[in-house]
Amino acid sequence: MHKKELLLILFIAFVSIANGQEIQARFSVLASKVSTTTDRKVFQTLQTSLTNFLNNRRWTNDVFQPNEKIQCSFLLTIEQDLGNNIYKGKLTVQAARPIFNTTYDSPIVNFLDDNVVFKYVEFQPVEFNENRVQGNDPMVANITAVLAYYVNIILGLDYDSFAQRGGDTYFQKAWNIVNNAPENRDITGWKSFESLRNRYWLAENLNSSRFALMHDAIYAYYRSGMDIFYENEEAGRNGILNCLNYLNTINTENPNSMIMQFFFQGKSNELVKVFSKATPELKQRARDLLTKLDITNTQTYKELK
């Protein structure tokens, strides 16, 4: 290979990496439940391919500095080898947002998607086209569609946390993926009738005018709450209390919605710490709201006495 050809390849690789990287994702595949007769090397190749897919693709038109990249992780647990290179698994998605003037990262996504079925042949190209989500083979396309969907959800929530309604573009992209999702009798998670807690309902809630206050709640939690907590604890707590009031209004108008459960996952310990040193009156108000809104973690909030 000539020196010029090598330099050109290196340059193209550099540009490819530099153009992406709004997120800094760690992708892991856990396949301990799969039969030992399955070639384990395919899962390592899958892990590498999907890590590159997440980190090297350009997801926005904005330029992110290294310290601005969104930290997130994806854990794909393979539950079954269904044969013919088709696998069924669960995907754990986590993302965090740095808080101003601290080294602390606040959880912004902590979700388990237990309906991921896909086809993967070792070394096959990993591709996603938002204008043709189905691809040539729905079973092959499903894994990248699922990942692209969650990347857009993460981006939307992150942008919402810095600017009011800042995430709308990315929530709409997630909704587009839902509406054009791969279809196959074994693929689930994209349809409204399949479950009350799936990809369809999360994207629907985040795009629906019925849940418009959710975007105000996200902004209040981070920009009016967590981001100023270090400099002014009282003001920070009041910002987060405003968030809880918004959420209470949403819950009253739309009881048992998916977005409410989604918002609170991973936040209970953080909220207890935020209000642990509040005045008795504020602590009581927070506890009353939290035990009503996040029933799963009621026991945790009882620490706010």
Protein backbone atom coordinates (compact mmCIF):
# COMPACT_ATOMS: atom_id res chain seq x y z
CA MET A 1 0.00 0.00 0.00
CA HIS A 2 1.37 3.43 -0.96
CA LYS A 3 1.95 5.98 1.75
CA LYS A 4 -0.62 8.36 0.21
CA GLU A 5 -3.26 5.63 0.22
CA LEU A 6 -2.57 4.86 3.87
CA LEU A 7 -2.82 8.53 4.83
CA LEU A 8 -6.10 8.84 2.94
CA ILE A 9 -7.58 5.82 4.77
CA LEU A 10 -6.46 7.20 8.13
CA PHE A 11 -7.93 10.61 7.28
CA ILE A 12 -11.28 9.11 6.28
CA ALA A 13 -11.36 7.08 9.51
CA PHE A 14 -10.58 10.20 11.55
CA VAL A 15 -13.29 12.26 9.84
CA SER A 16 -15.79 9.44 10.35
CA ILE A 17 -15.09 9.39 14.09
CA ALA A 18 -14.89 13.18 14.46
CA ASN A 19 -18.27 13.70 12.77
CA GLY A 20 -20.09 11.64 15.37
CA GLN A 21 -19.65 11.21 19.08
CA GLU A 22 -22.45 13.31 20.54
CA ILE A 23 -22.68 10.36 22.88
CA GLN A 24 -20.03 8.31 24.59
CA ALA A 25 -21.61 4.89 24.79
CA ARG A 26 -20.47 1.66 26.33
CA PHE A 27 -22.16 -1.29 24.70
CA SER A 28 -21.90 -4.75 26.23
CA VAL A 29 -23.31 -8.13 25.23
CA LEU A 30 -23.97 -10.74 27.91
CA ALA A 31 -24.66 -14.20 26.50
CA SER A 32 -24.13 -16.53 29.45
CA LYS A 33 -27.66 -17.92 29.09
CA VAL A 34 -27.10 -19.05 25.52
CA SER A 35 -26.25 -22.69 24.79
CA THR A 36 -22.55 -23.49 24.68
CA THR A 37 -23.06 -24.91 21.19
CA THR A 38 -23.41 -21.33 19.91
CA ASP A 39 -20.17 -19.76 18.70
CA ARG A 40 -19.35 -17.17 21.40
CA LYS A 41 -17.14 -15.17 19.06
CA VAL A 42 -20.19 -13.84 17.24
CA PHE A 43 -21.27 -11.94 20.36
CA GLN A 44 -17.88 -10.23 20.67
CA THR A 45 -18.11 -9.18 17.03
CA LEU A 46 -21.66 -7.96 17.62
CA GLN A 47 -20.51 -5.96 20.66
CA THR A 48 -17.72 -4.29 18.69
CA SER A 49 -19.96 -3.53 15.70
CA LEU A 50 -22.72 -1.96 17.80
CA THR A 51 -20.24 0.02 19.91
CA ASN A 52 -18.87 1.54 16.71
CA PHE A 53 -22.39 2.12 15.40
CA LEU A 54 -23.35 4.11 18.49
CA ASN A 55 -20.18 6.12 18.91
CA ASN A 56 -19.11 6.82 15.33
CA ARG A 57 -22.44 7.82 13.82
CA ARG A 58 -23.42 11.48 13.70
CA TRP A 59 -26.77 11.80 15.49
CA THR A 60 -27.20 15.61 15.48
CA ASN A 61 -26.04 18.67 13.54
CA ASP A 62 -24.44 20.17 16.64
CA VAL A 63 -20.79 20.10 17.64
CA PHE A 64 -20.09 18.48 21.01
CA GLN A 65 -16.90 19.11 22.96
CA PRO A 66 -15.35 16.01 24.61
CA ASN A 67 -16.65 17.07 28.04
CA GLU A 68 -20.15 17.57 26.61
CA LYS A 69 -20.63 14.04 25.31
CA ILE A 70 -23.59 12.26 26.84
CA GLN A 71 -22.45 9.32 28.94
CA CYS A 72 -24.60 6.26 28.37
CA SER A 73 -24.46 2.49 28.50
CA PHE A 74 -26.33 -0.33 26.79
CA LEU A 75 -26.34 -3.88 28.10
CA LEU A 76 -27.79 -6.46 25.72
CA THR A 77 -28.51 -9.70 27.56
CA ILE A 78 -29.09 -12.52 25.10
CA GLU A 79 -31.78 -14.80 26.49
CA GLN A 80 -32.20 -17.25 23.62
CA ASP A 81 -30.63 -18.39 20.39
CA LEU A 82 -33.72 -18.97 18.23
CA GLY A 83 -31.74 -20.49 15.38
CA ASN A 84 -30.92 -19.16 11.91
CA ASN A 85 -28.80 -16.37 13.48
CA ILE A 86 -31.84 -14.94 15.29
CA TYR A 87 -31.54 -13.96 18.95
CA LYS A 88 -33.91 -12.79 21.64
CA GLY A 89 -32.80 -10.61 24.51
CA LYS A 90 -33.25 -7.72 26.92
CA LEU A 91 -31.68 -4.29 26.61
CA THR A 92 -30.80 -2.17 29.63
CA VAL A 93 -30.38 1.51 28.73
CA GLN A 94 -28.76 4.00 31.08
CA ALA A 95 -27.68 7.59 30.56
CA ALA A 96 -26.52 10.36 32.87
CA ARG A 97 -26.26 14.14 32.74
CA PRO A 98 -23.42 16.10 34.40
CA ILE A 99 -24.56 18.63 36.99
CA PHE A 100 -23.06 22.14 36.90
CA ASN A 101 -20.19 22.92 39.28
CA THR A 102 -19.91 19.30 40.43
CA THR A 103 -18.38 16.00 39.37
CA TYR A 104 -21.79 14.37 39.86
CA ASP A 105 -23.76 12.79 37.01
CA SER A 106 -27.51 12.61 37.49
CA PRO A 107 -29.38 9.63 35.96
CA ILE A 108 -31.57 10.73 33.07
CA VAL A 109 -32.46 7.28 31.66
CA ASN A 110 -32.54 3.96 33.48
CA PHE A 111 -34.76 1.57 31.58
CA LEU A 112 -35.10 -2.13 30.78
CA ASP A 113 -36.54 -3.10 27.39
CA ASP A 114 -37.32 -6.81 27.52
CA ASN A 115 -38.53 -7.21 23.93
CA VAL A 116 -35.54 -7.23 21.60
CA VAL A 117 -35.45 -9.84 18.82
CA PHE A 118 -32.97 -9.51 15.95
CA LYS A 119 -30.91 -11.33 13.37
CA TYR A 120 -27.14 -11.00 13.22
CA VAL A 121 -24.69 -12.81 10.99
CA GLU A 122 -21.08 -12.29 12.04
CA PHE A 123 -19.37 -9.45 10.15
CA GLN A 124 -22.58 -8.35 8.46
CA PRO A 125 -22.78 -4.53 8.02
CA VAL A 126 -24.53 -2.72 10.86
CA GLU A 127 -26.68 -0.06 9.22
CA PHE A 128 -29.52 2.31 9.97
CA ASN A 129 -31.38 4.66 7.63
CA GLU A 130 -33.99 6.85 9.31
CA ASN A 131 -35.75 7.18 5.93
CA ARG A 132 -35.94 3.42 5.56
CA VAL A 133 -36.07 2.00 9.07
CA GLN A 134 -37.22 -1.45 7.86
CA GLY A 135 -34.07 -1.99 5.81
CA ASN A 136 -33.83 -5.02 3.51
CA ASP A 137 -34.60 -7.51 6.30
CA PRO A 138 -36.75 -6.44 9.27
CA MET A 139 -35.11 -8.93 11.63
CA VAL A 140 -31.66 -7.58 10.78
CA ALA A 141 -32.83 -3.96 10.95
CA ASN A 142 -34.54 -4.31 14.32
CA ILE A 143 -31.44 -4.09 16.53
CA THR A 144 -30.19 -0.83 14.98
CA ALA A 145 -33.73 0.58 14.94
CA VAL A 146 -34.03 -0.11 18.68
CA LEU A 147 -30.64 1.48 19.40
CA ALA A 148 -31.33 4.53 17.21
CA TYR A 149 -34.67 4.93 18.96
CA TYR A 150 -33.07 5.02 22.42
CA VAL A 151 -30.26 7.32 21.29
CA ASN A 152 -32.90 9.82 20.14
CA ILE A 153 -34.80 9.46 23.42
CA ILE A 154 -31.55 10.12 25.33
CA LEU A 155 -30.71 13.11 23.13
CA GLY A 156 -34.21 14.52 23.52
CA LEU A 157 -34.13 14.29 27.30
CA ASP A 158 -30.64 15.78 27.45
CA TYR A 159 -31.60 18.71 25.21
CA ASP A 160 -34.84 19.21 27.18
CA SER A 161 -32.80 19.46 30.37
CA PHE A 162 -30.79 22.42 29.02
CA ALA A 163 -33.46 24.34 27.07
CA GLN A 164 -37.24 24.39 27.26
CA ARG A 165 -38.60 22.08 24.55
CA GLY A 166 -35.04 21.65 23.35
CA GLY A 167 -35.51 17.94 22.72
CA ASP A 168 -38.53 18.07 20.39
CA THR A 169 -36.53 17.24 17.24
CA TYR A 170 -35.18 14.03 18.75
CA PHE A 171 -38.47 12.91 20.25
CA GLN A 172 -39.99 13.33 16.78
CA LYS A 173 -37.19 11.22 15.30
CA ALA A 174 -37.93 8.50 17.85
CA TRP A 175 -41.62 8.71 16.90
CA ASN A 176 -40.68 8.37 13.22
CA ILE A 177 -38.79 5.17 14.04
CA VAL A 178 -41.87 3.84 15.86
CA ASN A 179 -44.14 4.63 12.91
CA ASN A 180 -41.79 2.99 10.42
CA ALA A 181 -40.42 0.23 12.64
CA PRO A 182 -39.42 -3.21 11.33
CA GLU A 183 -42.38 -5.59 11.19
CA ASN A 184 -42.26 -9.34 11.70
CA ARG A 185 -44.38 -11.76 13.71
CA ASP A 186 -41.51 -12.19 16.20
CA ILE A 187 -40.75 -8.47 16.58
CA THR A 188 -42.49 -6.72 19.47
CA GLY A 189 -42.30 -3.44 21.35
CA TRP A 190 -43.33 -1.06 18.58
CA LYS A 191 -47.13 -1.39 18.68
CA SER A 192 -49.63 0.29 21.01
CA PHE A 193 -51.70 -2.86 21.54
CA GLU A 194 -48.76 -5.04 22.60
CA SER A 195 -48.22 -3.43 26.00
CA LEU A 196 -48.91 -0.33 28.07
CA ARG A 197 -45.17 0.07 28.72
CA ASN A 198 -43.14 -0.17 25.54
CA ARG A 199 -41.31 1.88 22.90
CA TYR A 200 -44.57 3.00 21.33
CA TRP A 201 -45.97 4.52 24.50
CA LEU A 202 -42.75 6.19 25.61
CA ALA A 203 -42.40 8.01 22.29
CA GLU A 204 -46.13 8.74 22.17
CA ASN A 205 -46.07 10.34 25.61
CA LEU A 206 -43.01 12.45 24.80
CA ASN A 207 -44.62 13.77 21.61
CA SER A 208 -48.19 14.18 22.85
CA SER A 209 -49.68 17.56 23.81
CA ARG A 210 -51.31 15.73 26.75
CA PHE A 211 -47.86 15.49 28.31
CA ALA A 212 -46.55 18.94 27.35
CA LEU A 213 -45.85 19.73 31.01
CA MET A 214 -43.37 16.84 31.14
CA HIS A 215 -40.90 18.94 29.18
CA ASP A 216 -41.29 21.77 31.70
CA ALA A 217 -40.77 19.24 34.49
CA ILE A 218 -37.53 17.95 32.96
CA TYR A 219 -36.20 21.49 32.50
CA ALA A 220 -37.20 22.47 36.05
CA TYR A 221 -35.58 19.37 37.55
CA TYR A 222 -32.19 20.01 35.97
CA ARG A 223 -31.76 23.70 35.09
CA SER A 224 -33.86 25.18 37.91
CA GLY A 225 -33.02 22.43 40.38
CA MET A 226 -29.97 20.21 40.19
CA ASP A 227 -27.76 22.71 38.32
CA ILE A 228 -28.08 25.40 40.98
CA PHE A 229 -28.21 23.11 44.00
CA TYR A 230 -24.47 23.40 44.70
CA GLU A 231 -24.59 27.20 44.90
CA ASN A 232 -28.03 27.57 46.48
CA GLU A 233 -29.58 24.48 48.05
CA GLU A 234 -32.87 26.16 48.92
CA ALA A 235 -33.41 27.48 45.39
CA GLY A 236 -32.40 24.10 43.96
CA ARG A 237 -34.89 22.26 46.14
CA ASN A 238 -37.65 24.66 45.15
CA GLY A 239 -36.85 24.06 41.47
CA ILE A 240 -37.15 20.32 41.98
CA LEU A 241 -40.36 20.79 43.97
CA ASN A 242 -41.74 22.76 41.01
CA CYS A 243 -40.87 19.75 38.86
CA LEU A 244 -42.82 17.48 41.22
CA ASN A 245 -45.80 19.83 41.05
CA TYR A 246 -45.74 19.66 37.24
CA LEU A 247 -45.58 15.88 37.45
CA ASN A 248 -48.49 15.83 39.89
CA THR A 249 -50.62 17.77 37.40
CA ILE A 250 -49.66 15.35 34.62
CA ASN A 251 -50.45 12.36 36.82
CA THR A 252 -53.83 13.76 37.81
CA GLU A 253 -54.80 14.28 34.18
CA ASN A 254 -53.14 11.11 32.86
CA PRO A 255 -52.98 8.51 35.63
CA ASN A 256 -50.72 5.46 35.28
CA SER A 257 -48.85 6.84 32.27
CA MET A 258 -45.62 5.24 31.11
CA ILE A 259 -43.64 8.48 31.08
CA MET A 260 -44.20 8.95 34.82
CA GLN A 261 -42.67 5.60 35.65
CA PHE A 262 -39.88 6.18 33.13
CA PHE A 263 -38.97 9.56 34.66
CA PHE A 264 -38.52 8.25 38.19
CA GLN A 265 -36.50 5.12 37.43
CA GLY A 266 -33.08 5.54 39.00
CA LYS A 267 -33.91 8.83 40.75
CA SER A 268 -35.29 7.80 44.18
CA ASN A 269 -31.98 7.87 46.08
CA GLU A 270 -31.04 11.18 44.46
CA LEU A 271 -34.36 12.73 45.48
CA VAL A 272 -34.01 11.54 49.06
CA LYS A 273 -30.58 13.19 49.27
CA VAL A 274 -31.92 16.42 47.76
CA PHE A 275 -34.68 16.78 50.34
CA SER A 276 -32.97 15.15 53.35
CA LYS A 277 -31.78 18.52 54.69
CA ALA A 278 -34.86 20.52 53.73
CA THR A 279 -37.10 22.26 56.26
CA PRO A 280 -39.67 19.94 57.87
CA GLU A 281 -42.46 21.62 55.88
CA LEU A 282 -40.70 21.27 52.51
CA LYS A 283 -39.62 17.74 53.33
CA GLN A 284 -43.22 16.77 54.09
CA ARG A 285 -44.48 18.31 50.83
CA ALA A 286 -41.83 16.46 48.86
CA ARG A 287 -42.57 13.17 50.58
CA ASP A 288 -46.32 13.50 49.99
CA LEU A 289 -45.77 14.12 46.28
CA LEU A 290 -43.11 11.45 45.82
CA THR A 291 -45.05 8.66 47.54
CA LYS A 292 -48.00 9.52 45.32
CA LEU A 293 -46.07 9.81 42.04
CA ASP A 294 -43.47 7.06 42.46
CA ILE A 295 -45.32 4.30 44.27
CA THR A 296 -42.63 1.71 43.50
CA ASN A 297 -40.18 3.56 45.76
CA THR A 298 -42.57 4.55 48.54
CA GLN A 299 -40.45 2.78 51.14
CA THR A 300 -37.39 4.76 50.10
CA TYR A 301 -39.21 8.09 50.45
CA LYS A 302 -40.30 7.23 53.97
CA GLU A 303 -36.73 8.16 54.94
CA LEU A 304 -37.85 11.77 54.53
CA LYS A 305 -39.19 12.13 58.04
